[in-house]
Amino acid sequence: VFIPKSIWKKYKTINIHPSYLPEFRGPYPIHAALKAKKGYLGITISYITKKADSGNIIIRKKFLLSGAQRTFRKVYTLFLRKAPEIAEEAVKLVSEGYKGKPQKGKASYAYKSS
């Protein structure tokens, strides 16, 4: 979902993304992480900017995955369980005026493969 610039410029709008940004930007980060055989789920909360998944990072965390957890359903379920906790921390930081940190490192992109 893309939010109009008039909204994210006026309000402190944040994005909850299921990857350790700048890794796996785009609409299919969990698929890409599983395909790349990553041993963790990354969750990043960042500010929304004009370029998708490129805003300053407010908070991000990694959760190690066991072999049995490396299915889309299990990783997505873990994301749904952990994201609200991390979002609560992010909202507190934003309310305190935290501007976040620019993303560092090489970005990768997660688009649906055919």
N, C-alpha and C. Protein backbone atom coordinates (compact mmCIF):
# COMPACT_ATOMS: atom_id res chain seq x y z
N VAL A 1 0.85 -1.16 0.00
CA VAL A 1 0.00 0.00 0.00
C VAL A 1 0.90 1.23 0.00
N PHE A 2 0.63 2.13 -0.91
CA PHE A 2 1.41 3.35 -0.97
C PHE A 2 0.59 4.50 -0.40
N ILE A 3 1.20 5.23 0.49
CA ILE A 3 0.54 6.33 1.19
C ILE A 3 0.93 7.63 0.49
N PRO A 4 -0.03 8.51 0.22
CA PRO A 4 0.28 9.78 -0.44
C PRO A 4 1.30 10.59 0.36
N LYS A 5 2.17 11.29 -0.37
CA LYS A 5 3.22 12.10 0.25
C LYS A 5 2.61 13.11 1.22
N SER A 6 1.45 13.66 0.90
CA SER A 6 0.83 14.66 1.77
C SER A 6 0.57 14.10 3.17
N ILE A 7 0.33 12.80 3.26
CA ILE A 7 0.08 12.16 4.56
C ILE A 7 1.39 11.90 5.30
N TRP A 8 2.37 11.22 4.63
CA TRP A 8 3.58 10.87 5.37
C TRP A 8 4.48 12.05 5.65
N LYS A 9 4.29 13.15 4.92
CA LYS A 9 5.05 14.36 5.23
C LYS A 9 4.46 15.07 6.45
N LYS A 10 3.14 15.04 6.56
CA LYS A 10 2.46 15.75 7.65
C LYS A 10 2.54 14.99 8.97
N TYR A 11 2.40 13.66 8.89
CA TYR A 11 2.38 12.83 10.09
C TYR A 11 3.65 11.99 10.17
N LYS A 12 3.96 11.49 11.32
CA LYS A 12 5.12 10.61 11.49
C LYS A 12 4.70 9.19 11.13
N THR A 13 4.65 8.91 9.86
CA THR A 13 4.13 7.64 9.36
C THR A 13 5.25 6.61 9.31
N ILE A 14 4.97 5.43 9.83
CA ILE A 14 5.99 4.38 9.89
C ILE A 14 5.58 3.14 9.10
N ASN A 15 6.57 2.35 8.76
CA ASN A 15 6.42 1.12 8.00
C ASN A 15 6.93 -0.04 8.85
N ILE A 16 6.16 -1.11 8.93
CA ILE A 16 6.61 -2.32 9.61
C ILE A 16 6.91 -3.34 8.51
N HIS A 17 8.18 -3.69 8.38
CA HIS A 17 8.62 -4.51 7.26
C HIS A 17 9.25 -5.82 7.75
N PRO A 18 8.86 -6.96 7.18
CA PRO A 18 9.40 -8.25 7.65
C PRO A 18 10.74 -8.64 7.04
N SER A 19 11.71 -7.73 7.19
CA SER A 19 13.10 -8.06 6.84
C SER A 19 14.02 -7.12 7.62
N TYR A 20 15.29 -7.43 7.59
CA TYR A 20 16.29 -6.63 8.28
C TYR A 20 16.83 -5.62 7.25
N LEU A 21 16.05 -4.54 7.05
CA LEU A 21 16.41 -3.56 6.03
C LEU A 21 17.83 -3.04 6.22
N PRO A 22 18.55 -2.81 5.12
CA PRO A 22 18.10 -2.68 3.74
C PRO A 22 18.02 -4.01 2.97
N GLU A 23 18.11 -5.10 3.67
CA GLU A 23 18.02 -6.40 3.02
C GLU A 23 16.55 -6.71 2.67
N PHE A 24 16.31 -7.17 1.48
CA PHE A 24 14.99 -7.61 1.01
C PHE A 24 13.92 -6.52 1.06
N ARG A 25 14.25 -5.37 0.47
CA ARG A 25 13.22 -4.35 0.28
C ARG A 25 12.21 -4.88 -0.72
N GLY A 26 11.00 -4.40 -0.64
CA GLY A 26 10.00 -4.79 -1.62
C GLY A 26 8.88 -5.63 -1.03
N PRO A 27 7.99 -6.13 -1.90
CA PRO A 27 6.76 -6.77 -1.42
C PRO A 27 6.85 -8.23 -0.98
N TYR A 28 7.98 -8.90 -1.21
CA TYR A 28 8.06 -10.32 -0.88
C TYR A 28 9.31 -10.67 -0.04
N PRO A 29 9.52 -9.98 1.06
CA PRO A 29 10.75 -10.22 1.84
C PRO A 29 10.83 -11.60 2.49
N ILE A 30 9.72 -12.13 2.95
CA ILE A 30 9.77 -13.45 3.59
C ILE A 30 10.10 -14.52 2.55
N HIS A 31 9.48 -14.44 1.39
CA HIS A 31 9.79 -15.39 0.32
C HIS A 31 11.28 -15.34 -0.03
N ALA A 32 11.80 -14.11 -0.16
CA ALA A 32 13.21 -13.94 -0.54
C ALA A 32 14.14 -14.48 0.54
N ALA A 33 13.81 -14.24 1.79
CA ALA A 33 14.66 -14.73 2.89
C ALA A 33 14.67 -16.25 2.94
N LEU A 34 13.52 -16.86 2.73
CA LEU A 34 13.46 -18.32 2.71
C LEU A 34 14.24 -18.89 1.52
N LYS A 35 14.10 -18.25 0.38
CA LYS A 35 14.82 -18.69 -0.82
C LYS A 35 16.33 -18.58 -0.62
N ALA A 36 16.75 -17.51 0.09
CA ALA A 36 18.17 -17.29 0.35
C ALA A 36 18.68 -18.12 1.54
N LYS A 37 17.78 -18.90 2.14
CA LYS A 37 18.10 -19.76 3.28
C LYS A 37 18.66 -18.99 4.47
N LYS A 38 18.05 -17.84 4.73
CA LYS A 38 18.44 -17.06 5.90
C LYS A 38 18.00 -17.80 7.16
N GLY A 39 18.80 -17.74 8.18
CA GLY A 39 18.50 -18.43 9.43
C GLY A 39 17.81 -17.53 10.44
N TYR A 40 17.22 -16.45 9.96
CA TYR A 40 16.57 -15.51 10.87
C TYR A 40 15.43 -14.78 10.17
N LEU A 41 14.53 -14.25 10.98
CA LEU A 41 13.52 -13.32 10.53
C LEU A 41 13.97 -11.95 10.98
N GLY A 42 14.00 -11.01 10.08
CA GLY A 42 14.29 -9.63 10.45
C GLY A 42 12.99 -8.84 10.46
N ILE A 43 12.86 -7.95 11.40
CA ILE A 43 11.73 -7.03 11.42
C ILE A 43 12.30 -5.63 11.59
N THR A 44 11.91 -4.75 10.68
CA THR A 44 12.38 -3.36 10.71
C THR A 44 11.19 -2.42 10.73
N ILE A 45 11.29 -1.42 11.57
CA ILE A 45 10.30 -0.35 11.56
C ILE A 45 11.05 0.92 11.17
N SER A 46 10.57 1.54 10.10
CA SER A 46 11.24 2.71 9.55
C SER A 46 10.21 3.78 9.19
N TYR A 47 10.72 4.98 8.97
CA TYR A 47 9.84 6.05 8.50
C TYR A 47 9.54 5.83 7.03
N ILE A 48 8.34 6.21 6.63
CA ILE A 48 7.95 6.11 5.22
C ILE A 48 8.52 7.32 4.49
N THR A 49 9.09 7.04 3.32
CA THR A 49 9.62 8.08 2.44
C THR A 49 9.12 7.80 1.02
N LYS A 50 9.52 8.65 0.11
CA LYS A 50 9.08 8.52 -1.28
C LYS A 50 9.48 7.16 -1.87
N LYS A 51 10.68 6.71 -1.57
CA LYS A 51 11.16 5.43 -2.09
C LYS A 51 10.81 4.33 -1.08
N ALA A 52 10.10 3.31 -1.54
CA ALA A 52 9.62 2.25 -0.66
C ALA A 52 10.74 1.57 0.13
N ASP A 53 10.49 1.35 1.40
CA ASP A 53 11.38 0.61 2.30
C ASP A 53 12.78 1.23 2.42
N SER A 54 12.87 2.55 2.27
CA SER A 54 14.16 3.23 2.27
C SER A 54 14.32 4.28 3.36
N GLY A 55 13.31 4.46 4.20
CA GLY A 55 13.36 5.50 5.22
C GLY A 55 14.31 5.19 6.37
N ASN A 56 14.54 6.19 7.19
CA ASN A 56 15.38 6.01 8.36
C ASN A 56 14.82 4.91 9.25
N ILE A 57 15.73 4.10 9.79
CA ILE A 57 15.34 2.99 10.64
C ILE A 57 15.11 3.48 12.06
N ILE A 58 13.95 3.17 12.59
CA ILE A 58 13.62 3.50 13.97
C ILE A 58 14.11 2.36 14.87
N ILE A 59 13.79 1.15 14.49
CA ILE A 59 14.22 -0.02 15.26
C ILE A 59 14.18 -1.23 14.32
N ARG A 60 15.08 -2.18 14.55
CA ARG A 60 15.04 -3.44 13.81
C ARG A 60 15.62 -4.54 14.69
N LYS A 61 15.08 -5.73 14.50
CA LYS A 61 15.51 -6.87 15.31
C LYS A 61 15.57 -8.12 14.44
N LYS A 62 16.39 -9.07 14.91
CA LYS A 62 16.49 -10.37 14.26
C LYS A 62 16.02 -11.44 15.23
N PHE A 63 15.33 -12.44 14.68
CA PHE A 63 14.88 -13.58 15.44
C PHE A 63 15.40 -14.84 14.75
N LEU A 64 16.21 -15.61 15.46
CA LEU A 64 16.78 -16.82 14.87
C LEU A 64 15.68 -17.84 14.61
N LEU A 65 15.84 -18.59 13.52
CA LEU A 65 14.88 -19.61 13.14
C LEU A 65 15.53 -20.98 13.19
N SER A 66 14.80 -21.94 13.72
CA SER A 66 15.26 -23.33 13.67
C SER A 66 14.86 -23.90 12.32
N GLY A 67 15.38 -25.06 11.98
CA GLY A 67 15.05 -25.68 10.70
C GLY A 67 13.55 -25.88 10.51
N ALA A 68 12.87 -26.27 11.57
CA ALA A 68 11.42 -26.52 11.50
C ALA A 68 10.62 -25.23 11.29
N GLN A 69 11.19 -24.10 11.65
CA GLN A 69 10.50 -22.82 11.52
C GLN A 69 10.66 -22.21 10.13
N ARG A 70 11.42 -22.80 9.28
CA ARG A 70 11.74 -22.19 7.98
C ARG A 70 10.70 -22.51 6.90
N THR A 71 9.47 -22.22 7.22
CA THR A 71 8.39 -22.29 6.24
C THR A 71 7.73 -20.93 6.22
N PHE A 72 7.08 -20.59 5.11
CA PHE A 72 6.44 -19.28 5.01
C PHE A 72 5.43 -19.09 6.15
N ARG A 73 4.60 -20.08 6.35
CA ARG A 73 3.55 -19.97 7.37
C ARG A 73 4.13 -19.70 8.76
N LYS A 74 5.17 -20.43 9.13
CA LYS A 74 5.74 -20.26 10.47
C LYS A 74 6.48 -18.94 10.61
N VAL A 75 7.19 -18.53 9.56
CA VAL A 75 7.90 -17.24 9.62
C VAL A 75 6.90 -16.09 9.67
N TYR A 76 5.85 -16.17 8.86
CA TYR A 76 4.83 -15.13 8.86
C TYR A 76 4.12 -15.05 10.21
N THR A 77 3.84 -16.18 10.80
CA THR A 77 3.21 -16.22 12.12
C THR A 77 4.12 -15.58 13.17
N LEU A 78 5.40 -15.87 13.09
CA LEU A 78 6.35 -15.25 14.02
C LEU A 78 6.36 -13.73 13.82
N PHE A 79 6.35 -13.29 12.57
CA PHE A 79 6.29 -11.86 12.28
C PHE A 79 5.04 -11.23 12.92
N LEU A 80 3.90 -11.87 12.75
CA LEU A 80 2.66 -11.34 13.31
C LEU A 80 2.68 -11.29 14.84
N ARG A 81 3.40 -12.20 15.47
CA ARG A 81 3.51 -12.20 16.94
C ARG A 81 4.48 -11.13 17.44
N LYS A 82 5.59 -10.96 16.74
CA LYS A 82 6.65 -10.06 17.23
C LYS A 82 6.46 -8.60 16.80
N ALA A 83 5.86 -8.36 15.65
CA ALA A 83 5.74 -7.00 15.13
C ALA A 83 5.04 -6.03 16.08
N PRO A 84 3.94 -6.42 16.73
CA PRO A 84 3.30 -5.47 17.64
C PRO A 84 4.19 -5.04 18.81
N GLU A 85 4.98 -5.96 19.33
CA GLU A 85 5.90 -5.62 20.43
C GLU A 85 6.93 -4.59 19.96
N ILE A 86 7.47 -4.83 18.79
CA ILE A 86 8.49 -3.92 18.26
C ILE A 86 7.85 -2.58 17.89
N ALA A 87 6.64 -2.63 17.36
CA ALA A 87 5.93 -1.39 17.01
C ALA A 87 5.71 -0.52 18.24
N GLU A 88 5.40 -1.16 19.35
CA GLU A 88 5.20 -0.41 20.59
C GLU A 88 6.47 0.35 20.98
N GLU A 89 7.61 -0.32 20.85
CA GLU A 89 8.89 0.34 21.13
C GLU A 89 9.13 1.48 20.15
N ALA A 90 8.82 1.26 18.88
CA ALA A 90 9.04 2.28 17.85
C ALA A 90 8.17 3.52 18.10
N VAL A 91 6.91 3.30 18.44
CA VAL A 91 6.00 4.42 18.69
C VAL A 91 6.51 5.26 19.85
N LYS A 92 7.04 4.61 20.86
CA LYS A 92 7.61 5.35 22.00
C LYS A 92 8.78 6.21 21.53
N LEU A 93 9.68 5.64 20.73
CA LEU A 93 10.83 6.39 20.22
C LEU A 93 10.39 7.57 19.36
N VAL A 94 9.41 7.34 18.48
CA VAL A 94 8.90 8.40 17.61
C VAL A 94 8.29 9.51 18.44
N SER A 95 7.51 9.14 19.47
CA SER A 95 6.87 10.15 20.32
C SER A 95 7.88 10.98 21.10
N GLU A 96 9.08 10.43 21.28
CA GLU A 96 10.16 11.15 21.96
C GLU A 96 10.98 11.99 20.98
N GLY A 97 10.60 11.96 19.70
CA GLY A 97 11.29 12.78 18.72
C GLY A 97 12.43 12.11 17.98
N TYR A 98 12.59 10.81 18.17
CA TYR A 98 13.69 10.09 17.51
C TYR A 98 13.50 10.11 16.00
N LYS A 99 14.52 10.51 15.27
CA LYS A 99 14.46 10.65 13.81
C LYS A 99 14.91 9.39 13.08
N GLY A 100 15.45 8.43 13.79
CA GLY A 100 15.93 7.21 13.17
C GLY A 100 17.32 7.37 12.59
N LYS A 101 17.84 6.27 12.05
CA LYS A 101 19.18 6.27 11.46
C LYS A 101 19.07 5.86 10.00
N PRO A 102 19.85 6.49 9.13
CA PRO A 102 19.82 6.11 7.72
C PRO A 102 20.20 4.63 7.55
N GLN A 103 19.63 4.01 6.56
CA GLN A 103 19.97 2.62 6.26
C GLN A 103 21.38 2.57 5.70
N LYS A 104 22.15 1.62 6.18
CA LYS A 104 23.53 1.44 5.72
C LYS A 104 23.67 0.07 5.11
N GLY A 105 24.58 -0.04 4.17
CA GLY A 105 24.83 -1.33 3.53
C GLY A 105 24.13 -1.42 2.19
N LYS A 106 24.45 -2.48 1.50
CA LYS A 106 23.88 -2.69 0.18
C LYS A 106 22.45 -3.20 0.29
N ALA A 107 21.56 -2.54 -0.41
CA ALA A 107 20.16 -2.96 -0.41
C ALA A 107 19.96 -4.13 -1.38
N SER A 108 19.07 -5.02 -1.00
CA SER A 108 18.64 -6.07 -1.91
C SER A 108 17.12 -5.96 -2.03
N TYR A 109 16.58 -6.53 -3.08
CA TYR A 109 15.17 -6.36 -3.37
C TYR A 109 14.45 -7.70 -3.47
N ALA A 110 13.24 -7.74 -2.95
CA ALA A 110 12.46 -8.96 -2.89
C ALA A 110 11.20 -8.83 -3.74
N TYR A 111 11.31 -9.27 -4.97
CA TYR A 111 10.16 -9.27 -5.87
C TYR A 111 9.75 -10.70 -6.12
N LYS A 112 8.51 -10.91 -6.41
CA LYS A 112 8.01 -12.27 -6.62
C LYS A 112 8.70 -12.89 -7.84
N SER A 113 9.20 -14.08 -7.64
CA SER A 113 9.85 -14.78 -8.75
C SER A 113 8.82 -15.67 -9.43
N SER A 114 9.05 -15.91 -10.70
CA SER A 114 8.09 -16.73 -11.43
C SER A 114 8.43 -18.20 -11.36
